[in-house]
Amino acid sequence: MKHDGFVRDILAAPERLAACLDAYDDASTLDDLAGARRVVMTGMGSSRFAALPATALLRSRGVDAVAELSSTGLPTRPATELVAVAISASGSTPETVDALARHRGVSRTVAVTNDPEGALAATADVVLPLHAGIEEGGVACLTFQATLAVLQLLAGRVTGAGPGADDLRPAVHAAAALRVSRGAWLDELADRLATAATTYTIAPAERLSSALQSALMLREGPRLSADATETGDWLHVDVYLSKRPGYTALLFPGSRFDDGVMAYARERGSAIVAIGPTLGGAAQHVPLDGTDDPLVALLVETGVTELVAAELWRRGVDRADPALVP
C-alpha cells in the first residue's frame, strides 16, 4: 500500500464515481436480473460491506436477499431460481471465485468486479464492471464507492423501482464538495482520533457499510484500533464502553436511535463526531452536502474517514511509527 497513492485515489473519487454512473446510464446490462426473487451476494472485506445495503434494499421490497462471507463454511445452496452475485474488486479473490464457482451451471451467476477479464468474470453469466480505474494506493476506496453504486443499481433493476444512475448523481457533487471543505475540519478530526485508544464507528443498519468501511480505513492505512457497530445495537452492545474516559466515536446519523446514543454521550462526556447532519451534544460536526438523501450519504460519507485515515497515516510515517514501516 502507498500513502501518496491513497491520497490521489481519495481526491479522484468524485470523477471516478461520475465515470461509473456514466457507464450505467444504459441499464440494459442489468436487464437479465429484473424480477429475480432470490439473491445471494458474496464477498470478502469491503466487497461484502457494500453488499449489505443492497441486500437490505432488496429485502425491503420483498426479495429474499442475503449478503454472506465468501469464506463461510455454510454457504447458500445453489438453486435454479437463485441469482448469485459475487463481488471482488480485483476479480481474483480466491474465496469469492470459489464461492461463485459452486453456483455455476445451477444458479444465475453475476460477477461485480474491476477486472472484467479476471477469474471471477470467467465464472459468471453476467459481468458488471466497476469502472473505478486503477487504485494507486492499493486500498479499496474507489472500488468500494463503485461497488456500492453498482449494487444499488442492480437492486433497483431487480425490483424495477430504482434507483437508477441519475438518482445517484447528486453524490458526485457532494463528494467533490466534501474534499473542497476538508481544510475546515480535517486537522481537528485527525487530532481527536490520534489520541483515541480506539475509534468506534456507528451507522444505521441500512448503511452499516459506512461504519464497517470507516473502521477498516483506520485499521488498514494508519494501523489504528477501530471497530464498527450498528446504531440501535450500540445501545445493547457498545454503550458500556462509553463509561471509559476518552471514548471517541464517529456517528453517521439517520437512525431513529441516534438520540439514544447522544443521550449517553452527553451524560458521560463521550466525544461523538457527527458526520453530515448536526446532532446536539456532538463534540465535532463534519458537514456533508445532500446527506438528507440516504443514497448520497451512502456513497459519500466514508470519504470523511478516508481523508482522516490518510492524514493519520501521513503523521505516522513522519514519526516513523514502526507499525507503518514496510
C-alpha atoms as a PDB file:
ATOM      1  CA  MET A   1       0.000   0.000   0.000  1.00  0.00           C
ATOM      2  CA  LYS A   2       1.166   3.543  -0.798  1.00  0.00           C
ATOM      3  CA  HIS A   3       0.139   6.609   1.182  1.00  0.00           C
ATOM      4  CA  ASP A   4       0.593   9.126  -1.639  1.00  0.00           C
ATOM      5  CA  GLY A   5      -1.373   6.918  -3.997  1.00  0.00           C
ATOM      6  CA  PHE A   6      -4.147   6.583  -1.421  1.00  0.00           C
ATOM      7  CA  VAL A   7      -4.442  10.372  -1.227  1.00  0.00           C
ATOM      8  CA  ARG A   8      -4.640  10.652  -5.019  1.00  0.00           C
ATOM      9  CA  ASP A   9      -7.321   7.952  -5.077  1.00  0.00           C
ATOM     10  CA  ILE A  10      -9.409   9.754  -2.454  1.00  0.00           C
ATOM     11  CA  LEU A  11      -9.231  13.038  -4.338  1.00  0.00           C
ATOM     12  CA  ALA A  12     -10.158  11.321  -7.609  1.00  0.00           C
ATOM     13  CA  ALA A  13     -13.293   9.740  -6.131  1.00  0.00           C
ATOM     14  CA  PRO A  14     -15.891  12.231  -7.467  1.00  0.00           C
ATOM     15  CA  GLU A  15     -14.761  11.929 -11.089  1.00  0.00           C
ATOM     16  CA  ARG A  16     -14.458   8.149 -10.812  1.00  0.00           C
ATOM     17  CA  LEU A  17     -17.986   7.906  -9.422  1.00  0.00           C
ATOM     18  CA  ALA A  18     -19.218  10.017 -12.333  1.00  0.00           C
ATOM     19  CA  ALA A  19     -17.470   7.668 -14.775  1.00  0.00           C
ATOM     20  CA  CYS A  20     -19.086   4.627 -13.157  1.00  0.00           C
ATOM     21  CA  LEU A  21     -22.541   6.179 -13.351  1.00  0.00           C
ATOM     22  CA  ASP A  22     -21.967   7.229 -16.955  1.00  0.00           C
ATOM     23  CA  ALA A  23     -21.173   3.626 -17.816  1.00  0.00           C
ATOM     24  CA  TYR A  24     -24.537   2.539 -16.376  1.00  0.00           C
ATOM     25  CA  ASP A  25     -26.661   5.255 -17.998  1.00  0.00           C
ATOM     26  CA  ASP A  26     -27.873   2.472 -20.244  1.00  0.00           C
ATOM     27  CA  ALA A  27     -29.082  -0.114 -17.736  1.00  0.00           C
ATOM     28  CA  SER A  28     -29.504  -2.845 -20.347  1.00  0.00           C
ATOM     29  CA  THR A  29     -26.622  -4.803 -18.820  1.00  0.00           C
ATOM     30  CA  LEU A  30     -28.866  -5.267 -15.794  1.00  0.00           C
ATOM     31  CA  ASP A  31     -31.989  -6.310 -17.708  1.00  0.00           C
ATOM     32  CA  ASP A  32     -31.395 -10.049 -17.275  1.00  0.00           C
ATOM     33  CA  LEU A  33     -31.666  -9.613 -13.492  1.00  0.00           C
ATOM     34  CA  ALA A  34     -35.069  -7.920 -13.470  1.00  0.00           C
ATOM     35  CA  GLY A  35     -37.689  -9.750 -11.458  1.00  0.00           C
ATOM     36  CA  ALA A  36     -35.346 -12.047  -9.521  1.00  0.00           C
ATOM     37  CA  ARG A  37     -36.962 -13.262  -6.289  1.00  0.00           C
ATOM     38  CA  ARG A  38     -33.930 -14.797  -4.553  1.00  0.00           C
ATOM     39  CA  VAL A  39     -30.496 -13.172  -4.424  1.00  0.00           C
ATOM     40  CA  VAL A  40     -27.322 -14.047  -2.548  1.00  0.00           C
ATOM     41  CA  MET A  41     -24.377 -11.657  -2.583  1.00  0.00           C
ATOM     42  CA  THR A  42     -20.979 -12.934  -1.547  1.00  0.00           C
ATOM     43  CA  GLY A  43     -17.627 -11.256  -0.984  1.00  0.00           C
ATOM     44  CA  MET A  44     -14.854 -10.530   1.472  1.00  0.00           C
ATOM     45  CA  GLY A  45     -13.970  -7.300   3.312  1.00  0.00           C
ATOM     46  CA  SER A  46     -15.176  -4.125   1.608  1.00  0.00           C
ATOM     47  CA  SER A  47     -16.925  -6.139  -1.088  1.00  0.00           C
ATOM     48  CA  ARG A  48     -19.236  -7.735   1.459  1.00  0.00           C
ATOM     49  CA  PHE A  49     -19.695  -4.435   3.277  1.00  0.00           C
ATOM     50  CA  ALA A  50     -21.044  -2.917   0.061  1.00  0.00           C
ATOM     51  CA  ALA A  51     -23.474  -5.806  -0.351  1.00  0.00           C
ATOM     52  CA  LEU A  52     -25.180  -5.141   2.990  1.00  0.00           C
ATOM     53  CA  PRO A  53     -27.174  -2.018   1.987  1.00  0.00           C
ATOM     54  CA  ALA A  54     -28.091  -3.553  -1.380  1.00  0.00           C
ATOM     55  CA  THR A  55     -29.493  -6.717   0.167  1.00  0.00           C
ATOM     56  CA  ALA A  56     -31.315  -4.639   2.785  1.00  0.00           C
ATOM     57  CA  LEU A  57     -32.955  -2.654  -0.026  1.00  0.00           C
ATOM     58  CA  LEU A  58     -33.945  -5.869  -1.793  1.00  0.00           C
ATOM     59  CA  ARG A  59     -35.482  -7.359   1.359  1.00  0.00           C
ATOM     60  CA  SER A  60     -37.447  -4.164   1.993  1.00  0.00           C
ATOM     61  CA  ARG A  61     -39.043  -4.677  -1.418  1.00  0.00           C
ATOM     62  CA  GLY A  62     -39.963  -8.303  -0.908  1.00  0.00           C
ATOM     63  CA  VAL A  63     -36.941 -10.033  -2.441  1.00  0.00           C
ATOM     64  CA  ASP A  64     -35.314 -12.869  -0.482  1.00  0.00           C
ATOM     65  CA  ALA A  65     -31.756 -11.488  -0.317  1.00  0.00           C
ATOM     66  CA  VAL A  66     -28.722 -12.063   1.875  1.00  0.00           C
ATOM     67  CA  ALA A  67     -25.076 -10.953   1.945  1.00  0.00           C
ATOM     68  CA  GLU A  68     -22.656 -13.632   3.078  1.00  0.00           C
ATOM     69  CA  LEU A  69     -18.925 -14.009   3.535  1.00  0.00           C
ATOM     70  CA  SER A  70     -17.366 -16.000   0.703  1.00  0.00           C
ATOM     71  CA  SER A  71     -15.354 -17.838   3.364  1.00  0.00           C
ATOM     72  CA  THR A  72     -18.403 -19.255   5.132  1.00  0.00           C
ATOM     73  CA  GLY A  73     -18.461 -22.963   5.797  1.00  0.00           C
ATOM     74  CA  LEU A  74     -22.249 -22.960   5.398  1.00  0.00           C
ATOM     75  CA  PRO A  75     -22.859 -21.248   2.049  1.00  0.00           C
ATOM     76  CA  THR A  76     -26.218 -20.729   0.372  1.00  0.00           C
ATOM     77  CA  ARG A  77     -27.134 -23.781  -1.670  1.00  0.00           C
ATOM     78  CA  PRO A  78     -27.186 -23.291  -5.473  1.00  0.00           C
ATOM     79  CA  ALA A  79     -30.678 -23.250  -6.982  1.00  0.00           C
ATOM     80  CA  THR A  80     -32.170 -22.555 -10.393  1.00  0.00           C
ATOM     81  CA  GLU A  81     -34.312 -19.685  -9.060  1.00  0.00           C
ATOM     82  CA  LEU A  82     -31.338 -18.052  -7.296  1.00  0.00           C
ATOM     83  CA  VAL A  83     -29.174 -15.168  -8.550  1.00  0.00           C
ATOM     84  CA  ALA A  84     -25.673 -15.465  -7.062  1.00  0.00           C
ATOM     85  CA  VAL A  85     -23.751 -12.170  -7.105  1.00  0.00           C
ATOM     86  CA  ALA A  86     -20.037 -12.453  -6.357  1.00  0.00           C
ATOM     87  CA  ILE A  87     -18.124  -9.260  -5.607  1.00  0.00           C
ATOM     88  CA  SER A  88     -14.367  -8.830  -5.896  1.00  0.00           C
ATOM     89  CA  ALA A  89     -12.680  -5.613  -6.980  1.00  0.00           C
ATOM     90  CA  SER A  90      -9.549  -7.476  -8.026  1.00  0.00           C
ATOM     91  CA  GLY A  91     -11.550 -10.188  -9.758  1.00  0.00           C
ATOM     92  CA  SER A  92      -9.299 -12.816  -8.236  1.00  0.00           C
ATOM     93  CA  THR A  93     -10.191 -13.107  -4.529  1.00  0.00           C
ATOM     94  CA  PRO A  94      -9.846 -16.889  -4.077  1.00  0.00           C
ATOM     95  CA  GLU A  95     -12.695 -17.307  -1.603  1.00  0.00           C
ATOM     96  CA  THR A  96     -15.063 -15.346  -3.838  1.00  0.00           C
ATOM     97  CA  VAL A  97     -14.069 -17.095  -7.057  1.00  0.00           C
ATOM     98  CA  ASP A  98     -14.642 -20.443  -5.328  1.00  0.00           C
ATOM     99  CA  ALA A  99     -17.985 -19.267  -3.918  1.00  0.00           C
ATOM    100  CA  LEU A 100     -19.303 -18.310  -7.359  1.00  0.00           C
ATOM    101  CA  ALA A 101     -17.956 -21.478  -8.920  1.00  0.00           C
ATOM    102  CA  ARG A 102     -20.204 -23.502  -6.607  1.00  0.00           C
ATOM    103  CA  HIS A 103     -23.212 -21.865  -8.258  1.00  0.00           C
ATOM    104  CA  ARG A 104     -22.068 -22.199 -11.849  1.00  0.00           C
ATOM    105  CA  GLY A 105     -24.427 -24.231 -14.004  1.00  0.00           C
ATOM    106  CA  VAL A 106     -27.249 -24.082 -11.446  1.00  0.00           C
ATOM    107  CA  SER A 107     -27.823 -20.540 -10.157  1.00  0.00           C
ATOM    108  CA  ARG A 108     -27.717 -17.456 -12.342  1.00  0.00           C
ATOM    109  CA  THR A 109     -24.188 -16.131 -11.726  1.00  0.00           C
ATOM    110  CA  VAL A 110     -23.118 -12.472 -11.679  1.00  0.00           C
ATOM    111  CA  ALA A 111     -19.623 -11.016 -11.194  1.00  0.00           C
ATOM    112  CA  VAL A 112     -19.171  -7.470  -9.890  1.00  0.00           C
ATOM    113  CA  THR A 113     -15.519  -6.628 -10.434  1.00  0.00           C
ATOM    114  CA  ASN A 114     -12.994  -4.033 -11.533  1.00  0.00           C
ATOM    115  CA  ASP A 115     -11.341  -6.673 -13.749  1.00  0.00           C
ATOM    116  CA  PRO A 116     -13.888  -7.905 -16.299  1.00  0.00           C
ATOM    117  CA  GLU A 117     -11.287 -10.239 -17.770  1.00  0.00           C
ATOM    118  CA  GLY A 118     -10.332 -11.924 -14.496  1.00  0.00           C
ATOM    119  CA  ALA A 119     -11.039 -15.310 -12.949  1.00  0.00           C
ATOM    120  CA  LEU A 120     -14.281 -14.201 -11.309  1.00  0.00           C
ATOM    121  CA  ALA A 121     -15.702 -12.854 -14.573  1.00  0.00           C
ATOM    122  CA  ALA A 122     -14.860 -16.108 -16.311  1.00  0.00           C
ATOM    123  CA  THR A 123     -17.166 -17.913 -13.868  1.00  0.00           C
ATOM    124  CA  ALA A 124     -20.148 -15.614 -14.406  1.00  0.00           C
ATOM    125  CA  ASP A 125     -23.125 -15.481 -16.733  1.00  0.00           C
ATOM    126  CA  VAL A 126     -23.289 -11.693 -16.320  1.00  0.00           C
ATOM    127  CA  VAL A 127     -20.329  -9.368 -15.660  1.00  0.00           C
ATOM    128  CA  LEU A 128     -20.872  -5.917 -14.124  1.00  0.00           C
ATOM    129  CA  PRO A 129     -17.633  -3.881 -14.323  1.00  0.00           C
ATOM    130  CA  LEU A 130     -16.943  -1.269 -11.655  1.00  0.00           C
ATOM    131  CA  HIS A 131     -15.235   1.244 -13.972  1.00  0.00           C
ATOM    132  CA  ALA A 132     -13.302   2.506 -10.938  1.00  0.00           C
ATOM    133  CA  GLY A 133      -9.925   2.801 -12.644  1.00  0.00           C
ATOM    134  CA  ILE A 134      -6.611   1.986 -11.009  1.00  0.00           C
ATOM    135  CA  GLU A 135      -6.273   2.337  -7.238  1.00  0.00           C
ATOM    136  CA  GLU A 136      -2.760   3.701  -6.844  1.00  0.00           C
ATOM    137  CA  GLY A 137      -2.759   3.366  -3.074  1.00  0.00           C
ATOM    138  CA  GLY A 138      -3.695  -0.308  -3.007  1.00  0.00           C
ATOM    139  CA  VAL A 139      -6.597   0.443  -0.637  1.00  0.00           C
ATOM    140  CA  ALA A 140     -10.176  -0.351  -1.659  1.00  0.00           C
ATOM    141  CA  CYS A 141     -11.698   3.138  -1.617  1.00  0.00           C
ATOM    142  CA  LEU A 142     -12.528   3.883  -5.259  1.00  0.00           C
ATOM    143  CA  THR A 143     -13.665   0.323  -5.817  1.00  0.00           C
ATOM    144  CA  PHE A 144     -15.749   0.379  -2.633  1.00  0.00           C
ATOM    145  CA  GLN A 145     -17.555   3.505  -3.832  1.00  0.00           C
ATOM    146  CA  ALA A 146     -18.156   1.964  -7.259  1.00  0.00           C
ATOM    147  CA  THR A 147     -19.318  -1.321  -5.745  1.00  0.00           C
ATOM    148  CA  LEU A 148     -21.884   0.491  -3.619  1.00  0.00           C
ATOM    149  CA  ALA A 149     -23.169   2.273  -6.724  1.00  0.00           C
ATOM    150  CA  VAL A 150     -23.322  -0.792  -8.971  1.00  0.00           C
ATOM    151  CA  LEU A 151     -25.053  -2.916  -6.322  1.00  0.00           C
ATOM    152  CA  GLN A 152     -27.625  -0.184  -5.688  1.00  0.00           C
ATOM    153  CA  LEU A 153     -28.306  -0.063  -9.439  1.00  0.00           C
ATOM    154  CA  LEU A 154     -28.553  -3.853  -9.530  1.00  0.00           C
ATOM    155  CA  ALA A 155     -31.025  -3.859  -6.640  1.00  0.00           C
ATOM    156  CA  GLY A 156     -33.045  -1.155  -8.336  1.00  0.00           C
ATOM    157  CA  ARG A 157     -33.228  -3.123 -11.566  1.00  0.00           C
ATOM    158  CA  VAL A 158     -34.168  -6.367  -9.812  1.00  0.00           C
ATOM    159  CA  THR A 159     -37.169  -4.695  -8.191  1.00  0.00           C
ATOM    160  CA  GLY A 160     -37.990  -2.315 -11.026  1.00  0.00           C
ATOM    161  CA  ALA A 161     -38.262   0.553  -8.551  1.00  0.00           C
ATOM    162  CA  GLY A 162     -34.832   2.209  -8.864  1.00  0.00           C
ATOM    163  CA  PRO A 163     -32.501   3.749  -8.031  1.00  0.00           C
ATOM    164  CA  GLY A 164     -31.101   4.456 -11.471  1.00  0.00           C
ATOM    165  CA  ALA A 165     -27.866   6.201 -12.370  1.00  0.00           C
ATOM    166  CA  ASP A 166     -29.499   9.648 -12.318  1.00  0.00           C
ATOM    167  CA  ASP A 167     -30.690   9.074  -8.748  1.00  0.00           C
ATOM    168  CA  LEU A 168     -27.079   8.593  -7.661  1.00  0.00           C
ATOM    169  CA  ARG A 169     -25.606  11.595  -9.493  1.00  0.00           C
ATOM    170  CA  PRO A 170     -26.116  14.117  -6.643  1.00  0.00           C
ATOM    171  CA  ALA A 171     -23.450  12.130  -4.780  1.00  0.00           C
ATOM    172  CA  VAL A 172     -20.828  13.279  -7.292  1.00  0.00           C
ATOM    173  CA  HIS A 173     -21.297  16.939  -6.315  1.00  0.00           C
ATOM    174  CA  ALA A 174     -21.454  16.070  -2.610  1.00  0.00           C
ATOM    175  CA  ALA A 175     -18.232  14.063  -2.818  1.00  0.00           C
ATOM    176  CA  ALA A 176     -16.447  16.935  -4.555  1.00  0.00           C
ATOM    177  CA  ALA A 177     -17.729  19.475  -2.003  1.00  0.00           C
ATOM    178  CA  LEU A 178     -16.520  17.304   0.882  1.00  0.00           C
ATOM    179  CA  ARG A 179     -12.986  17.289  -0.479  1.00  0.00           C
ATOM    180  CA  VAL A 180     -13.012  21.045  -1.036  1.00  0.00           C
ATOM    181  CA  SER A 181     -14.149  21.612   2.563  1.00  0.00           C
ATOM    182  CA  ARG A 182     -11.582  19.374   4.253  1.00  0.00           C
ATOM    183  CA  GLY A 183      -9.390  22.274   5.383  1.00  0.00           C
ATOM    184  CA  ALA A 184     -12.149  23.359   7.755  1.00  0.00           C
ATOM    185  CA  TRP A 185     -12.436  20.114   9.721  1.00  0.00           C
ATOM    186  CA  LEU A 186      -9.704  17.606   8.882  1.00  0.00           C
ATOM    187  CA  ASP A 187      -6.960  18.686  11.306  1.00  0.00           C
ATOM    188  CA  GLU A 188      -9.349  18.857  14.256  1.00  0.00           C
ATOM    189  CA  LEU A 189     -10.734  15.412  13.484  1.00  0.00           C
ATOM    190  CA  ALA A 190      -7.273  13.920  12.978  1.00  0.00           C
ATOM    191  CA  ASP A 191      -6.074  15.364  16.296  1.00  0.00           C
ATOM    192  CA  ARG A 192      -9.116  13.876  18.021  1.00  0.00           C
ATOM    193  CA  LEU A 193      -8.692  10.376  16.564  1.00  0.00           C
ATOM    194  CA  ALA A 194      -4.913  10.384  17.019  1.00  0.00           C
ATOM    195  CA  THR A 195      -5.327  10.350  20.804  1.00  0.00           C
ATOM    196  CA  ALA A 196      -8.212   7.863  20.957  1.00  0.00           C
ATOM    197  CA  ALA A 197      -7.360   4.400  22.258  1.00  0.00           C
ATOM    198  CA  THR A 198      -9.986   3.069  19.836  1.00  0.00           C
ATOM    199  CA  THR A 199     -12.250   4.881  17.397  1.00  0.00           C
ATOM    200  CA  TYR A 200     -15.763   3.484  17.203  1.00  0.00           C
ATOM    201  CA  THR A 201     -17.864   3.967  14.081  1.00  0.00           C
ATOM    202  CA  ILE A 202     -21.655   3.870  14.303  1.00  0.00           C
ATOM    203  CA  ALA A 203     -24.201   3.797  11.457  1.00  0.00           C
ATOM    204  CA  PRO A 204     -27.823   2.783  10.791  1.00  0.00           C
ATOM    205  CA  ALA A 205     -28.470  -0.794   9.727  1.00  0.00           C
ATOM    206  CA  GLU A 206     -29.354   0.250   6.191  1.00  0.00           C
ATOM    207  CA  ARG A 207     -25.949   1.992   5.896  1.00  0.00           C
ATOM    208  CA  LEU A 208     -23.909  -0.304   8.137  1.00  0.00           C
ATOM    209  CA  SER A 209     -21.362  -0.473   5.318  1.00  0.00           C
ATOM    210  CA  SER A 210     -20.322   3.091   6.219  1.00  0.00           C
ATOM    211  CA  ALA A 211     -19.348   2.112   9.756  1.00  0.00           C
ATOM    212  CA  LEU A 212     -17.610  -1.093   8.674  1.00  0.00           C
ATOM    213  CA  GLN A 213     -15.643   0.563   5.863  1.00  0.00           C
ATOM    214  CA  SER A 214     -14.688   3.516   8.040  1.00  0.00           C
ATOM    215  CA  ALA A 215     -13.293   1.278  10.757  1.00  0.00           C
ATOM    216  CA  LEU A 216     -11.381  -0.678   8.120  1.00  0.00           C
ATOM    217  CA  MET A 217      -9.840   2.511   6.678  1.00  0.00           C
ATOM    218  CA  LEU A 218      -8.451   3.412  10.110  1.00  0.00           C
ATOM    219  CA  ARG A 219      -7.064  -0.086  10.593  1.00  0.00           C
ATOM    220  CA  GLU A 220      -5.708  -0.567   7.075  1.00  0.00           C
ATOM    221  CA  GLY A 221      -3.940   2.760   6.461  1.00  0.00           C
ATOM    222  CA  PRO A 222      -2.699   4.262   9.735  1.00  0.00           C
ATOM    223  CA  ARG A 223      -2.991   0.915  11.592  1.00  0.00           C
ATOM    224  CA  LEU A 224      -5.171   2.324  14.362  1.00  0.00           C
ATOM    225  CA  SER A 225      -7.635   0.445  16.529  1.00  0.00           C
ATOM    226  CA  ALA A 226     -11.204   0.898  15.247  1.00  0.00           C
ATOM    227  CA  ASP A 227     -14.454  -1.034  15.493  1.00  0.00           C
ATOM    228  CA  ALA A 228     -17.932  -0.708  13.964  1.00  0.00           C
ATOM    229  CA  THR A 229     -21.437  -1.006  15.436  1.00  0.00           C
ATOM    230  CA  GLU A 230     -24.990  -0.529  14.157  1.00  0.00           C
ATOM    231  CA  THR A 231     -26.698   2.422  15.861  1.00  0.00           C
ATOM    232  CA  GLY A 232     -29.587   0.588  17.521  1.00  0.00           C
ATOM    233  CA  ASP A 233     -27.370  -2.314  18.515  1.00  0.00           C
ATOM    234  CA  TRP A 234     -24.888   0.139  20.064  1.00  0.00           C
ATOM    235  CA  LEU A 235     -27.426   0.632  22.857  1.00  0.00           C
ATOM    236  CA  HIS A 236     -27.168  -3.089  23.629  1.00  0.00           C
ATOM    237  CA  VAL A 237     -23.534  -3.986  22.983  1.00  0.00           C
ATOM    238  CA  ASP A 238     -21.244  -0.921  22.999  1.00  0.00           C
ATOM    239  CA  VAL A 239     -22.931   1.528  25.360  1.00  0.00           C
ATOM    240  CA  TYR A 240     -20.880   0.038  28.202  1.00  0.00           C
ATOM    241  CA  LEU A 241     -17.637   1.244  26.641  1.00  0.00           C
ATOM    242  CA  SER A 242     -18.804   4.864  26.773  1.00  0.00           C
ATOM    243  CA  LYS A 243     -18.223   4.704  30.536  1.00  0.00           C
ATOM    244  CA  ARG A 244     -14.485   4.735  29.780  1.00  0.00           C
ATOM    245  CA  PRO A 245     -12.862   8.193  29.755  1.00  0.00           C
ATOM    246  CA  GLY A 246     -11.832   9.253  26.270  1.00  0.00           C
ATOM    247  CA  TYR A 247     -14.484   7.253  24.434  1.00  0.00           C
ATOM    248  CA  THR A 248     -14.483   8.528  20.828  1.00  0.00           C
ATOM    249  CA  ALA A 249     -16.868   7.648  18.019  1.00  0.00           C
ATOM    250  CA  LEU A 250     -17.831   8.710  14.516  1.00  0.00           C
ATOM    251  CA  LEU A 251     -21.614   8.681  14.156  1.00  0.00           C
ATOM    252  CA  PHE A 252     -23.271   8.550  10.750  1.00  0.00           C
ATOM    253  CA  PRO A 253     -26.752   9.939  11.524  1.00  0.00           C
ATOM    254  CA  GLY A 254     -30.039   8.722  10.131  1.00  0.00           C
ATOM    255  CA  SER A 255     -31.166   6.113  12.654  1.00  0.00           C
ATOM    256  CA  ARG A 256     -34.142   6.597  14.939  1.00  0.00           C
ATOM    257  CA  PHE A 257     -31.732   5.540  17.694  1.00  0.00           C
ATOM    258  CA  ASP A 258     -29.359   8.499  17.240  1.00  0.00           C
ATOM    259  CA  ASP A 259     -30.944  10.356  20.158  1.00  0.00           C
ATOM    260  CA  GLY A 260     -30.292   7.406  22.457  1.00  0.00           C
ATOM    261  CA  VAL A 261     -26.598   7.358  21.569  1.00  0.00           C
ATOM    262  CA  MET A 262     -26.292  11.102  22.041  1.00  0.00           C
ATOM    263  CA  ALA A 263     -28.062  10.987  25.411  1.00  0.00           C
ATOM    264  CA  TYR A 264     -25.383   8.644  26.738  1.00  0.00           C
ATOM    265  CA  ALA A 265     -22.662  10.758  25.132  1.00  0.00           C
ATOM    266  CA  ARG A 266     -23.868  13.895  26.908  1.00  0.00           C
ATOM    267  CA  GLU A 267     -24.265  12.098  30.221  1.00  0.00           C
ATOM    268  CA  ARG A 268     -20.825  10.500  30.100  1.00  0.00           C
ATOM    269  CA  GLY A 269     -18.815  13.170  28.308  1.00  0.00           C
ATOM    270  CA  SER A 270     -18.100  10.944  25.318  1.00  0.00           C
ATOM    271  CA  ALA A 271     -16.700  12.549  22.172  1.00  0.00           C
ATOM    272  CA  ILE A 272     -19.133  11.830  19.333  1.00  0.00           C
ATOM    273  CA  VAL A 273     -18.324  13.281  15.912  1.00  0.00           C
ATOM    274  CA  ALA A 274     -21.429  13.717  13.740  1.00  0.00           C
ATOM    275  CA  ILE A 275     -20.843  13.101  10.031  1.00  0.00           C
ATOM    276  CA  GLY A 276     -23.397  15.036   7.983  1.00  0.00           C
ATOM    277  CA  PRO A 277     -26.479  16.254   9.880  1.00  0.00           C
ATOM    278  CA  THR A 278     -25.913  18.228  13.076  1.00  0.00           C
ATOM    279  CA  LEU A 279     -26.625  16.451  16.357  1.00  0.00           C
ATOM    280  CA  GLY A 280     -26.983  18.245  19.684  1.00  0.00           C
ATOM    281  CA  GLY A 281     -24.107  17.402  22.007  1.00  0.00           C
ATOM    282  CA  ALA A 282     -21.671  16.298  19.279  1.00  0.00           C
ATOM    283  CA  ALA A 283     -18.032  17.148  20.015  1.00  0.00           C
ATOM    284  CA  GLN A 284     -17.480  17.961  16.341  1.00  0.00           C
ATOM    285  CA  HIS A 285     -19.616  18.190  13.230  1.00  0.00           C
ATOM    286  CA  VAL A 286     -18.325  17.369   9.731  1.00  0.00           C
ATOM    287  CA  PRO A 287     -20.771  18.907   7.221  1.00  0.00           C
ATOM    288  CA  LEU A 288     -21.781  16.986   4.110  1.00  0.00           C
ATOM    289  CA  ASP A 289     -23.909  18.312   1.281  1.00  0.00           C
ATOM    290  CA  GLY A 290     -27.044  16.386   0.402  1.00  0.00           C
ATOM    291  CA  THR A 291     -26.978  13.809   3.165  1.00  0.00           C
ATOM    292  CA  ASP A 292     -30.694  14.244   3.752  1.00  0.00           C
ATOM    293  CA  ASP A 293     -30.767  11.817   0.803  1.00  0.00           C
ATOM    294  CA  PRO A 294     -29.750   8.361   2.118  1.00  0.00           C
ATOM    295  CA  LEU A 295     -28.239   7.440  -1.270  1.00  0.00           C
ATOM    296  CA  VAL A 296     -25.924  10.443  -1.152  1.00  0.00           C
ATOM    297  CA  ALA A 297     -24.943   9.638   2.422  1.00  0.00           C
ATOM    298  CA  LEU A 298     -24.259   6.016   1.494  1.00  0.00           C
ATOM    299  CA  LEU A 299     -21.929   6.934  -1.371  1.00  0.00           C
ATOM    300  CA  VAL A 300     -20.170   9.942   0.163  1.00  0.00           C
ATOM    301  CA  GLU A 301     -19.867   9.723   3.953  1.00  0.00           C
ATOM    302  CA  THR A 302     -16.990   7.217   4.074  1.00  0.00           C
ATOM    303  CA  GLY A 303     -14.899   9.848   2.306  1.00  0.00           C
ATOM    304  CA  VAL A 304     -14.596  11.594   5.675  1.00  0.00           C
ATOM    305  CA  THR A 305     -12.858   8.621   7.217  1.00  0.00           C
ATOM    306  CA  GLU A 306     -10.722   8.021   4.136  1.00  0.00           C
ATOM    307  CA  LEU A 307      -9.434  11.586   4.339  1.00  0.00           C
ATOM    308  CA  VAL A 308      -8.699  11.416   8.058  1.00  0.00           C
ATOM    309  CA  ALA A 309      -7.112   7.965   7.677  1.00  0.00           C
ATOM    310  CA  ALA A 310      -4.784   9.382   5.013  1.00  0.00           C
ATOM    311  CA  GLU A 311      -3.807  12.272   7.303  1.00  0.00           C
ATOM    312  CA  LEU A 312      -3.159   9.980  10.271  1.00  0.00           C
ATOM    313  CA  TRP A 313      -1.192   7.627   8.015  1.00  0.00           C
ATOM    314  CA  ARG A 314       0.979  10.584   6.913  1.00  0.00           C
ATOM    315  CA  ARG A 315       1.606  11.591  10.517  1.00  0.00           C
ATOM    316  CA  GLY A 316       2.557   8.026  11.392  1.00  0.00           C
ATOM    317  CA  VAL A 317       5.042   7.831   8.539  1.00  0.00           C
ATOM    318  CA  ASP A 318       6.543  11.178   9.527  1.00  0.00           C
ATOM    319  CA  ARG A 319       7.214   9.990  13.064  1.00  0.00           C
ATOM    320  CA  ALA A 320       8.476   6.593  11.844  1.00  0.00           C
ATOM    321  CA  ASP A 321       5.708   4.620  13.511  1.00  0.00           C
ATOM    322  CA  PRO A 322       7.039   1.013  13.482  1.00  0.00           C
ATOM    323  CA  ALA A 323       3.576  -0.294  12.533  1.00  0.00           C
ATOM    324  CA  LEU A 324       3.913   1.583   9.239  1.00  0.00           C
ATOM    325  CA  VAL A 325       7.458   0.575   8.346  1.00  0.00           C
ATOM    326  CA  PRO A 326       7.431  -1.796   5.339  1.00  0.00           C
END
